[in-house]
N, C-alpha and C. Protein backbone atom coordinates (compact mmCIF):
# COMPACT_ATOMS: atom_id res chain seq x y z
N MET A 1 264.20 148.61 99.62
CA MET A 1 263.81 147.28 100.02
C MET A 1 262.46 147.40 100.68
N ALA A 2 261.48 146.69 100.16
CA ALA A 2 260.17 146.70 100.75
C ALA A 2 259.72 145.25 100.98
N ALA A 3 259.29 144.99 102.19
CA ALA A 3 258.73 143.68 102.53
C ALA A 3 257.23 143.78 102.41
N THR A 4 256.56 142.72 101.98
CA THR A 4 255.10 142.74 101.83
C THR A 4 254.47 141.53 102.51
N SER A 5 253.24 141.69 102.89
CA SER A 5 252.47 140.59 103.46
C SER A 5 250.98 140.91 103.29
N LEU A 6 250.16 139.85 103.38
CA LEU A 6 248.73 140.01 103.23
C LEU A 6 248.00 138.90 104.00
N TRP A 7 246.92 139.26 104.69
CA TRP A 7 246.14 138.29 105.43
C TRP A 7 244.67 138.66 105.40
N HIS A 8 243.79 137.70 105.69
CA HIS A 8 242.36 137.92 105.60
C HIS A 8 241.77 138.31 106.94
N ILE A 9 240.56 138.87 106.87
CA ILE A 9 239.77 139.21 108.05
C ILE A 9 238.45 138.50 107.89
N GLU A 10 238.08 137.70 108.87
CA GLU A 10 236.85 136.92 108.81
C GLU A 10 235.74 137.58 109.61
N GLY A 11 234.53 137.19 109.34
CA GLY A 11 233.41 137.69 110.12
C GLY A 11 232.11 137.50 109.37
N ARG A 12 231.06 137.98 109.96
CA ARG A 12 229.74 137.93 109.31
C ARG A 12 229.29 139.34 108.99
N LEU A 13 228.79 139.56 107.79
CA LEU A 13 228.36 140.88 107.39
C LEU A 13 227.24 141.39 108.29
N LYS A 14 226.36 140.51 108.72
CA LYS A 14 225.27 140.93 109.61
C LYS A 14 225.80 141.64 110.86
N ASP A 15 226.86 141.06 111.44
CA ASP A 15 227.49 141.67 112.61
C ASP A 15 228.11 143.02 112.25
N LEU A 16 228.73 143.06 111.09
CA LEU A 16 229.36 144.29 110.66
C LEU A 16 228.35 145.39 110.47
N ILE A 17 227.22 145.08 109.81
CA ILE A 17 226.17 146.08 109.59
C ILE A 17 225.60 146.56 110.91
N SER A 18 225.31 145.64 111.81
CA SER A 18 224.77 146.00 113.12
C SER A 18 225.74 146.92 113.86
N TYR A 19 226.98 146.59 113.77
CA TYR A 19 228.01 147.41 114.46
C TYR A 19 228.07 148.79 113.89
N VAL A 20 228.05 148.91 112.58
CA VAL A 20 228.13 150.22 111.91
C VAL A 20 226.88 151.05 112.23
N GLU A 21 225.74 150.40 112.21
CA GLU A 21 224.50 151.16 112.43
C GLU A 21 224.27 151.53 113.87
N ASN A 22 224.76 150.76 114.82
CA ASN A 22 224.53 151.07 116.22
C ASN A 22 225.66 150.54 117.09
N PRO A 23 226.81 151.19 117.09
CA PRO A 23 227.98 150.67 117.81
C PRO A 23 227.79 150.65 119.34
N GLU A 24 226.91 151.48 119.93
CA GLU A 24 226.74 151.48 121.37
C GLU A 24 225.94 150.28 121.86
N LYS A 25 225.09 149.69 120.99
CA LYS A 25 224.22 148.61 121.42
C LYS A 25 224.71 147.25 120.95
N THR A 26 225.69 147.19 120.10
CA THR A 26 226.13 145.92 119.53
C THR A 26 227.56 145.62 119.95
N VAL A 27 227.75 144.46 120.47
CA VAL A 27 229.10 143.99 120.79
C VAL A 27 229.50 143.00 119.71
N PRO A 28 230.41 143.41 118.81
CA PRO A 28 230.78 142.51 117.71
C PRO A 28 231.59 141.34 118.20
N ASN A 29 231.54 140.25 117.41
CA ASN A 29 232.39 139.13 117.78
C ASN A 29 233.86 139.50 117.51
N LYS A 30 234.77 138.67 117.93
CA LYS A 30 236.20 138.99 117.80
C LYS A 30 236.58 139.30 116.39
N GLU A 31 236.10 138.49 115.42
CA GLU A 31 236.48 138.72 114.03
C GLU A 31 236.01 140.07 113.53
N MET A 32 234.79 140.48 113.92
CA MET A 32 234.28 141.78 113.49
C MET A 32 235.07 142.89 114.15
N GLN A 33 235.41 142.72 115.40
CA GLN A 33 236.21 143.73 116.06
C GLN A 33 237.53 143.92 115.32
N ASP A 34 238.12 142.83 114.85
CA ASP A 34 239.36 142.93 114.10
C ASP A 34 239.17 143.76 112.84
N PHE A 35 238.02 143.59 112.18
CA PHE A 35 237.76 144.35 110.95
C PHE A 35 237.72 145.85 111.24
N PHE A 36 237.01 146.24 112.31
CA PHE A 36 236.95 147.65 112.65
C PHE A 36 238.27 148.15 113.18
N ASP A 37 238.97 147.34 113.90
CA ASP A 37 240.29 147.73 114.37
C ASP A 37 241.22 148.03 113.20
N VAL A 38 241.12 147.22 112.14
CA VAL A 38 241.94 147.45 110.96
C VAL A 38 241.62 148.82 110.35
N PHE A 39 240.35 149.09 110.16
CA PHE A 39 240.00 150.42 109.58
C PHE A 39 240.44 151.55 110.48
N SER A 40 240.25 151.42 111.78
CA SER A 40 240.66 152.45 112.68
C SER A 40 242.20 152.60 112.68
N TYR A 41 242.86 151.46 112.66
CA TYR A 41 244.32 151.47 112.70
C TYR A 41 244.91 152.08 111.44
N VAL A 42 244.47 151.60 110.28
CA VAL A 42 245.11 152.08 109.04
C VAL A 42 244.82 153.54 108.78
N LYS A 43 243.71 154.06 109.26
CA LYS A 43 243.38 155.48 109.03
C LYS A 43 243.75 156.37 110.21
N ASN A 44 244.42 155.88 111.21
CA ASN A 44 244.78 156.63 112.42
C ASN A 44 245.52 157.94 112.04
N PRO A 45 244.92 159.08 112.40
CA PRO A 45 245.54 160.37 112.06
C PRO A 45 246.94 160.56 112.62
N GLN A 46 247.21 159.95 113.80
CA GLN A 46 248.54 160.12 114.40
C GLN A 46 249.61 159.37 113.63
N LYS A 47 249.19 158.36 112.84
CA LYS A 47 250.14 157.57 112.07
C LYS A 47 250.26 158.04 110.63
N THR A 48 249.27 158.79 110.16
CA THR A 48 249.18 159.14 108.75
C THR A 48 249.32 160.64 108.51
N ASP A 49 249.96 161.36 109.42
CA ASP A 49 250.12 162.80 109.30
C ASP A 49 248.76 163.47 109.11
N ASN A 50 247.85 163.21 110.06
CA ASN A 50 246.48 163.76 110.08
C ASN A 50 245.72 163.41 108.80
N GLY A 51 245.91 162.23 108.28
CA GLY A 51 245.15 161.78 107.13
C GLY A 51 245.74 162.18 105.78
N GLU A 52 246.89 162.88 105.79
CA GLU A 52 247.50 163.28 104.53
C GLU A 52 247.86 162.06 103.68
N PHE A 53 248.23 160.97 104.34
CA PHE A 53 248.66 159.79 103.63
C PHE A 53 247.59 158.68 103.69
N VAL A 54 246.37 159.05 103.36
CA VAL A 54 245.27 158.11 103.25
C VAL A 54 244.64 158.30 101.85
N SER A 55 244.61 157.24 101.08
CA SER A 55 244.01 157.29 99.73
C SER A 55 243.01 156.17 99.58
N ALA A 56 242.04 156.41 98.70
CA ALA A 56 241.03 155.40 98.42
C ALA A 56 241.04 155.10 96.93
N ILE A 57 240.82 153.85 96.61
CA ILE A 57 240.74 153.41 95.20
C ILE A 57 239.37 152.74 95.05
N ASN A 58 238.59 153.21 94.10
CA ASN A 58 237.27 152.67 93.78
C ASN A 58 236.24 152.91 94.89
N CYS A 59 236.53 153.85 95.78
CA CYS A 59 235.58 154.24 96.83
C CYS A 59 236.05 155.58 97.36
N LEU A 60 235.26 156.15 98.26
CA LEU A 60 235.63 157.39 98.93
C LEU A 60 236.23 157.05 100.30
N LYS A 61 237.31 157.68 100.66
CA LYS A 61 237.94 157.30 101.94
C LYS A 61 237.04 157.56 103.13
N GLU A 62 236.14 158.55 103.02
CA GLU A 62 235.26 158.88 104.11
C GLU A 62 234.15 157.84 104.31
N THR A 63 233.81 157.12 103.25
CA THR A 63 232.69 156.17 103.32
C THR A 63 233.10 154.76 102.82
N ALA A 64 234.36 154.49 102.83
CA ALA A 64 234.85 153.20 102.28
C ALA A 64 234.20 151.98 102.94
N LEU A 65 234.11 152.00 104.25
CA LEU A 65 233.53 150.88 104.97
C LEU A 65 232.08 150.64 104.53
N GLN A 66 231.31 151.71 104.47
CA GLN A 66 229.91 151.59 104.07
C GLN A 66 229.80 151.12 102.62
N GLN A 67 230.66 151.59 101.74
CA GLN A 67 230.62 151.18 100.36
C GLN A 67 230.95 149.68 100.22
N MET A 68 231.92 149.21 101.03
CA MET A 68 232.24 147.80 100.99
C MET A 68 231.08 146.96 101.45
N ILE A 69 230.38 147.42 102.49
CA ILE A 69 229.20 146.71 102.96
C ILE A 69 228.14 146.64 101.87
N LEU A 70 227.90 147.76 101.18
CA LEU A 70 226.91 147.77 100.10
C LEU A 70 227.27 146.81 98.98
N THR A 71 228.53 146.76 98.66
CA THR A 71 228.98 145.80 97.61
C THR A 71 228.65 144.36 98.02
N LYS A 72 228.99 144.05 99.29
CA LYS A 72 228.71 142.70 99.78
C LYS A 72 227.22 142.38 99.74
N LYS A 73 226.40 143.34 100.12
CA LYS A 73 224.94 143.13 100.10
C LYS A 73 224.43 142.97 98.67
N GLN A 74 224.94 143.80 97.78
CA GLN A 74 224.51 143.75 96.38
C GLN A 74 224.73 142.34 95.80
N TYR A 75 225.86 141.75 96.10
CA TYR A 75 226.18 140.44 95.52
C TYR A 75 225.85 139.26 96.48
N GLN A 76 225.24 139.59 97.61
CA GLN A 76 224.86 138.57 98.61
C GLN A 76 226.05 137.67 98.97
N LYS A 77 227.21 138.34 99.22
CA LYS A 77 228.43 137.62 99.61
C LYS A 77 228.85 138.16 100.95
N THR A 78 228.17 137.67 101.97
CA THR A 78 228.39 138.22 103.31
C THR A 78 229.14 137.31 104.25
N GLY A 79 229.50 136.13 103.83
CA GLY A 79 230.19 135.19 104.71
C GLY A 79 231.65 135.03 104.40
N GLY A 80 232.32 134.26 105.22
CA GLY A 80 233.73 133.99 104.98
C GLY A 80 234.63 135.17 105.21
N TYR A 81 235.65 135.30 104.42
CA TYR A 81 236.57 136.43 104.53
C TYR A 81 235.81 137.70 104.11
N ILE A 82 235.83 138.72 104.95
CA ILE A 82 235.13 139.94 104.62
C ILE A 82 236.04 141.05 104.10
N ALA A 83 237.33 140.92 104.37
CA ALA A 83 238.29 141.92 103.88
C ALA A 83 239.68 141.33 103.92
N TRP A 84 240.60 142.04 103.29
CA TRP A 84 242.00 141.67 103.30
C TRP A 84 242.82 142.84 103.80
N HIS A 85 243.84 142.56 104.57
CA HIS A 85 244.73 143.59 105.15
C HIS A 85 246.15 143.19 104.85
N GLY A 86 246.92 144.12 104.36
CA GLY A 86 248.33 143.83 104.07
C GLY A 86 249.18 145.05 104.30
N TYR A 87 250.47 144.87 104.08
CA TYR A 87 251.41 145.99 104.23
C TYR A 87 252.54 145.89 103.22
N GLN A 88 253.21 147.02 103.07
CA GLN A 88 254.44 147.14 102.33
C GLN A 88 255.35 147.99 103.20
N SER A 89 256.40 147.39 103.70
CA SER A 89 257.27 148.05 104.66
C SER A 89 258.64 148.35 104.02
N PHE A 90 259.08 149.59 104.11
CA PHE A 90 260.29 150.05 103.47
C PHE A 90 261.48 150.08 104.45
N LYS A 91 262.67 149.98 103.88
CA LYS A 91 263.90 150.03 104.68
C LYS A 91 263.98 151.38 105.40
N PRO A 92 264.36 151.39 106.67
CA PRO A 92 264.45 152.64 107.41
C PRO A 92 265.32 153.68 106.69
N GLU A 93 264.84 154.91 106.66
CA GLU A 93 265.55 156.07 106.13
C GLU A 93 265.81 156.00 104.63
N GLU A 94 265.18 155.08 103.91
CA GLU A 94 265.42 154.97 102.48
C GLU A 94 264.41 155.76 101.66
N VAL A 95 263.23 156.03 102.21
CA VAL A 95 262.17 156.62 101.42
C VAL A 95 261.43 157.69 102.25
N MET A 96 261.02 158.74 101.56
CA MET A 96 260.23 159.81 102.19
C MET A 96 258.75 159.39 102.17
N PRO A 97 257.95 159.93 103.09
CA PRO A 97 256.56 159.52 103.17
C PRO A 97 255.76 159.68 101.86
N GLN A 98 255.96 160.79 101.16
CA GLN A 98 255.22 161.01 99.91
C GLN A 98 255.55 159.92 98.88
N LEU A 99 256.82 159.56 98.77
CA LEU A 99 257.21 158.53 97.80
C LEU A 99 256.69 157.16 98.21
N ALA A 100 256.80 156.84 99.50
CA ALA A 100 256.28 155.56 99.98
C ALA A 100 254.78 155.46 99.68
N HIS A 101 254.04 156.51 99.91
CA HIS A 101 252.60 156.50 99.65
C HIS A 101 252.33 156.35 98.14
N GLU A 102 253.06 157.04 97.34
CA GLU A 102 252.89 156.93 95.88
C GLU A 102 253.13 155.49 95.43
N ILE A 103 254.19 154.87 95.93
CA ILE A 103 254.50 153.47 95.55
C ILE A 103 253.40 152.55 96.08
N GLY A 104 252.97 152.78 97.30
CA GLY A 104 251.91 151.94 97.88
C GLY A 104 250.63 152.01 97.09
N VAL A 105 250.23 153.22 96.67
CA VAL A 105 249.03 153.37 95.86
C VAL A 105 249.20 152.67 94.52
N LYS A 106 250.35 152.79 93.92
CA LYS A 106 250.58 152.11 92.63
C LYS A 106 250.51 150.59 92.79
N LEU A 107 251.10 150.09 93.85
CA LEU A 107 251.04 148.65 94.13
C LEU A 107 249.61 148.19 94.28
N ALA A 108 248.82 148.91 95.07
CA ALA A 108 247.41 148.55 95.30
C ALA A 108 246.60 148.60 94.00
N LYS A 109 246.81 149.64 93.22
CA LYS A 109 246.08 149.75 91.95
C LYS A 109 246.41 148.58 91.01
N GLU A 110 247.68 148.24 90.94
CA GLU A 110 248.08 147.16 90.03
C GLU A 110 247.60 145.80 90.55
N MET A 111 247.63 145.58 91.84
CA MET A 111 247.22 144.31 92.43
C MET A 111 245.71 144.10 92.42
N TRP A 112 244.99 145.10 92.89
CA TRP A 112 243.55 144.92 93.17
C TRP A 112 242.65 145.99 92.56
N GLY A 113 243.22 147.03 91.99
CA GLY A 113 242.48 148.20 91.57
C GLY A 113 241.47 148.01 90.47
N ASP A 114 241.57 146.93 89.71
CA ASP A 114 240.60 146.73 88.63
C ASP A 114 239.30 146.11 89.14
N ARG A 115 239.25 145.62 90.42
CA ARG A 115 238.06 144.92 90.88
C ARG A 115 237.62 145.22 92.30
N PHE A 116 238.48 145.81 93.15
CA PHE A 116 238.15 145.90 94.55
C PHE A 116 238.23 147.35 95.09
N GLU A 117 237.44 147.61 96.15
CA GLU A 117 237.52 148.88 96.89
C GLU A 117 238.65 148.77 97.88
N ILE A 118 239.51 149.79 97.89
CA ILE A 118 240.77 149.70 98.64
C ILE A 118 241.00 150.99 99.41
N ILE A 119 241.51 150.87 100.61
CA ILE A 119 242.07 152.00 101.33
C ILE A 119 243.58 151.76 101.44
N VAL A 120 244.37 152.76 101.10
CA VAL A 120 245.82 152.71 101.24
C VAL A 120 246.25 153.81 102.19
N THR A 121 247.01 153.44 103.20
CA THR A 121 247.52 154.43 104.13
C THR A 121 249.02 154.24 104.26
N THR A 122 249.71 155.31 104.57
CA THR A 122 251.16 155.24 104.84
C THR A 122 251.38 155.71 106.26
N HIS A 123 251.99 154.85 107.05
CA HIS A 123 252.24 155.14 108.48
C HIS A 123 253.67 155.63 108.67
N LEU A 124 253.76 156.66 109.50
CA LEU A 124 255.04 157.31 109.76
C LEU A 124 255.48 157.13 111.20
N ASP A 125 254.81 156.28 111.95
CA ASP A 125 255.02 156.18 113.39
C ASP A 125 256.13 155.25 113.82
N LYS A 126 256.75 154.57 112.88
CA LYS A 126 257.85 153.65 113.20
C LYS A 126 259.13 154.12 112.49
N GLU A 127 260.20 153.47 112.84
CA GLU A 127 261.49 153.80 112.19
C GLU A 127 261.38 153.53 110.69
N HIS A 128 260.63 152.52 110.33
CA HIS A 128 260.44 152.19 108.90
C HIS A 128 259.07 152.69 108.46
N ILE A 129 259.06 153.45 107.40
CA ILE A 129 257.78 153.91 106.82
C ILE A 129 257.14 152.69 106.17
N HIS A 130 255.84 152.58 106.32
CA HIS A 130 255.14 151.43 105.77
C HIS A 130 253.73 151.78 105.33
N CYS A 131 253.25 151.10 104.31
CA CYS A 131 251.90 151.32 103.79
C CYS A 131 251.03 150.14 104.21
N HIS A 132 249.79 150.45 104.48
CA HIS A 132 248.79 149.43 104.77
C HIS A 132 247.75 149.43 103.65
N PHE A 133 247.25 148.24 103.36
CA PHE A 133 246.21 148.07 102.35
C PHE A 133 245.04 147.35 103.05
N CYS A 134 243.86 147.87 102.94
CA CYS A 134 242.70 147.19 103.42
C CYS A 134 241.69 147.22 102.28
N PHE A 135 241.29 146.01 101.81
CA PHE A 135 240.39 146.00 100.69
C PHE A 135 239.29 144.95 100.84
N ASN A 136 238.18 145.24 100.17
CA ASN A 136 237.00 144.38 100.23
C ASN A 136 237.34 143.01 99.65
N SER A 137 236.78 142.01 100.24
CA SER A 137 236.98 140.65 99.71
C SER A 137 236.10 140.36 98.52
N VAL A 138 235.10 141.24 98.26
CA VAL A 138 234.13 141.05 97.16
C VAL A 138 234.33 142.14 96.14
N SER A 139 234.41 141.75 94.88
CA SER A 139 234.62 142.69 93.79
C SER A 139 233.37 143.52 93.52
N PHE A 140 233.56 144.82 93.40
CA PHE A 140 232.43 145.68 93.05
C PHE A 140 232.04 145.51 91.59
N ARG A 141 232.91 144.98 90.76
CA ARG A 141 232.63 144.80 89.33
C ARG A 141 231.79 143.58 89.01
N ASP A 142 232.12 142.44 89.68
CA ASP A 142 231.45 141.20 89.28
C ASP A 142 231.00 140.34 90.47
N GLY A 143 231.25 140.79 91.69
CA GLY A 143 230.83 140.02 92.86
C GLY A 143 231.73 138.85 93.21
N GLY A 144 232.80 138.67 92.42
CA GLY A 144 233.73 137.58 92.73
C GLY A 144 234.55 137.89 93.98
N LYS A 145 234.93 136.85 94.69
CA LYS A 145 235.74 137.03 95.89
C LYS A 145 237.21 136.92 95.54
N TYR A 146 238.01 137.69 96.27
CA TYR A 146 239.46 137.65 96.06
C TYR A 146 240.00 136.32 96.52
N ASN A 147 240.86 135.74 95.71
CA ASN A 147 241.44 134.43 96.00
C ASN A 147 242.94 134.59 96.16
N TYR A 148 243.39 134.60 97.40
CA TYR A 148 244.82 134.73 97.68
C TYR A 148 245.49 133.37 97.53
N SER A 149 246.63 133.38 96.91
CA SER A 149 247.35 132.11 96.61
C SER A 149 248.84 132.39 96.68
N LYS A 150 249.63 131.35 96.55
CA LYS A 150 251.07 131.52 96.47
C LYS A 150 251.44 132.37 95.25
N ALA A 151 250.69 132.19 94.15
CA ALA A 151 250.95 132.98 92.94
C ALA A 151 250.65 134.47 93.19
N GLU A 152 249.61 134.76 93.94
CA GLU A 152 249.28 136.15 94.27
C GLU A 152 250.32 136.73 95.20
N ARG A 153 250.80 135.94 96.14
CA ARG A 153 251.85 136.42 97.05
C ARG A 153 253.11 136.77 96.29
N LYS A 154 253.47 135.90 95.34
CA LYS A 154 254.65 136.14 94.52
C LYS A 154 254.45 137.38 93.65
N ARG A 155 253.26 137.50 93.07
CA ARG A 155 252.95 138.66 92.24
C ARG A 155 253.06 139.96 93.01
N MET A 156 252.59 139.96 94.27
CA MET A 156 252.68 141.15 95.10
C MET A 156 254.13 141.52 95.36
N MET A 157 254.96 140.53 95.67
CA MET A 157 256.38 140.79 95.89
C MET A 157 257.05 141.31 94.63
N GLU A 158 256.72 140.70 93.48
CA GLU A 158 257.33 141.12 92.21
C GLU A 158 256.94 142.54 91.82
N ILE A 159 255.70 142.88 92.02
CA ILE A 159 255.25 144.26 91.70
C ILE A 159 255.93 145.26 92.63
N SER A 160 255.98 144.92 93.92
CA SER A 160 256.64 145.78 94.90
C SER A 160 258.13 145.97 94.54
N ASP A 161 258.79 144.88 94.21
CA ASP A 161 260.22 144.96 93.84
C ASP A 161 260.42 145.81 92.58
N ARG A 162 259.56 145.59 91.58
CA ARG A 162 259.68 146.35 90.35
C ARG A 162 259.49 147.87 90.61
N LEU A 163 258.48 148.19 91.41
CA LEU A 163 258.24 149.59 91.71
C LEU A 163 259.42 150.19 92.49
N CYS A 164 259.96 149.44 93.44
CA CYS A 164 261.10 149.92 94.21
C CYS A 164 262.28 150.17 93.28
N ARG A 165 262.54 149.25 92.34
CA ARG A 165 263.65 149.46 91.39
C ARG A 165 263.41 150.70 90.52
N GLU A 166 262.16 150.86 90.07
CA GLU A 166 261.82 152.03 89.23
C GLU A 166 262.12 153.33 89.95
N TYR A 167 261.98 153.33 91.26
CA TYR A 167 262.20 154.54 92.04
C TYR A 167 263.59 154.58 92.68
N GLY A 168 264.44 153.63 92.30
CA GLY A 168 265.83 153.64 92.78
C GLY A 168 265.98 153.15 94.20
N LEU A 169 265.02 152.39 94.71
CA LEU A 169 265.11 151.87 96.05
C LEU A 169 265.66 150.46 96.03
N SER A 170 266.17 150.00 97.16
CA SER A 170 266.72 148.65 97.23
C SER A 170 265.59 147.65 97.29
N VAL A 171 265.93 146.39 96.94
CA VAL A 171 264.97 145.30 97.02
C VAL A 171 265.65 144.14 97.80
N ILE A 172 264.84 143.26 98.30
CA ILE A 172 265.36 142.10 98.98
C ILE A 172 265.74 141.07 97.90
N GLU A 173 267.02 140.82 97.76
CA GLU A 173 267.50 139.94 96.70
C GLU A 173 267.20 138.46 96.97
N LYS A 174 267.33 138.04 98.20
CA LYS A 174 267.06 136.65 98.54
C LYS A 174 266.05 136.62 99.71
N PRO A 175 264.77 136.71 99.36
CA PRO A 175 263.78 136.72 100.47
C PRO A 175 263.76 135.42 101.27
N ARG A 176 263.60 135.57 102.54
CA ARG A 176 263.49 134.42 103.43
C ARG A 176 262.02 134.15 103.69
N LYS A 177 261.71 132.90 103.92
CA LYS A 177 260.38 132.54 104.32
C LYS A 177 260.24 132.86 105.80
N ALA A 178 259.10 133.53 106.14
CA ALA A 178 258.86 133.82 107.55
C ALA A 178 258.75 132.56 108.37
N PRO A 179 259.24 132.57 109.58
CA PRO A 179 259.12 131.36 110.41
C PRO A 179 257.66 131.08 110.73
N SER A 180 257.31 129.80 110.78
CA SER A 180 255.93 129.43 111.13
C SER A 180 255.77 129.54 112.64
N ARG A 181 254.51 129.72 113.04
CA ARG A 181 254.25 129.89 114.46
C ARG A 181 254.19 128.57 115.17
């Protein structure tokens, strides 16, 4: 059984570039801080078995942030949503870290791998093993921005469920809608 979710990260690319180039002199706005927090969080060595469970798709994991910035500059798409962050969370004690990571990478490749730069990490710090996805909002192929919709949400759940079934894992048969805030 794997639960999935996805949300956007907003900010201005100018702030992001300034922060990357000179973090001691630039205080990013809240949205930019969230972007860097996501990268720091998803790649945290204490959560990913010292980086063993960190993979990159269409970029290098060591330079993913810089590559995403270059893509945005190339297509002059620096406003609005700058990245997307999501997760795939597995039932406690149902999956080993290697398998969870394999499934997470397959999910990311199928969902976004034909157009976007993606970091996939698998966290082992909770009772439930879970994968994080952080990907550029701008396509490196054509400069188009990712458009999240109800159809995309459904597609993500369907792909996750199909992969879980292929690997003999349980799925949520009757998903509930998350309560609104």
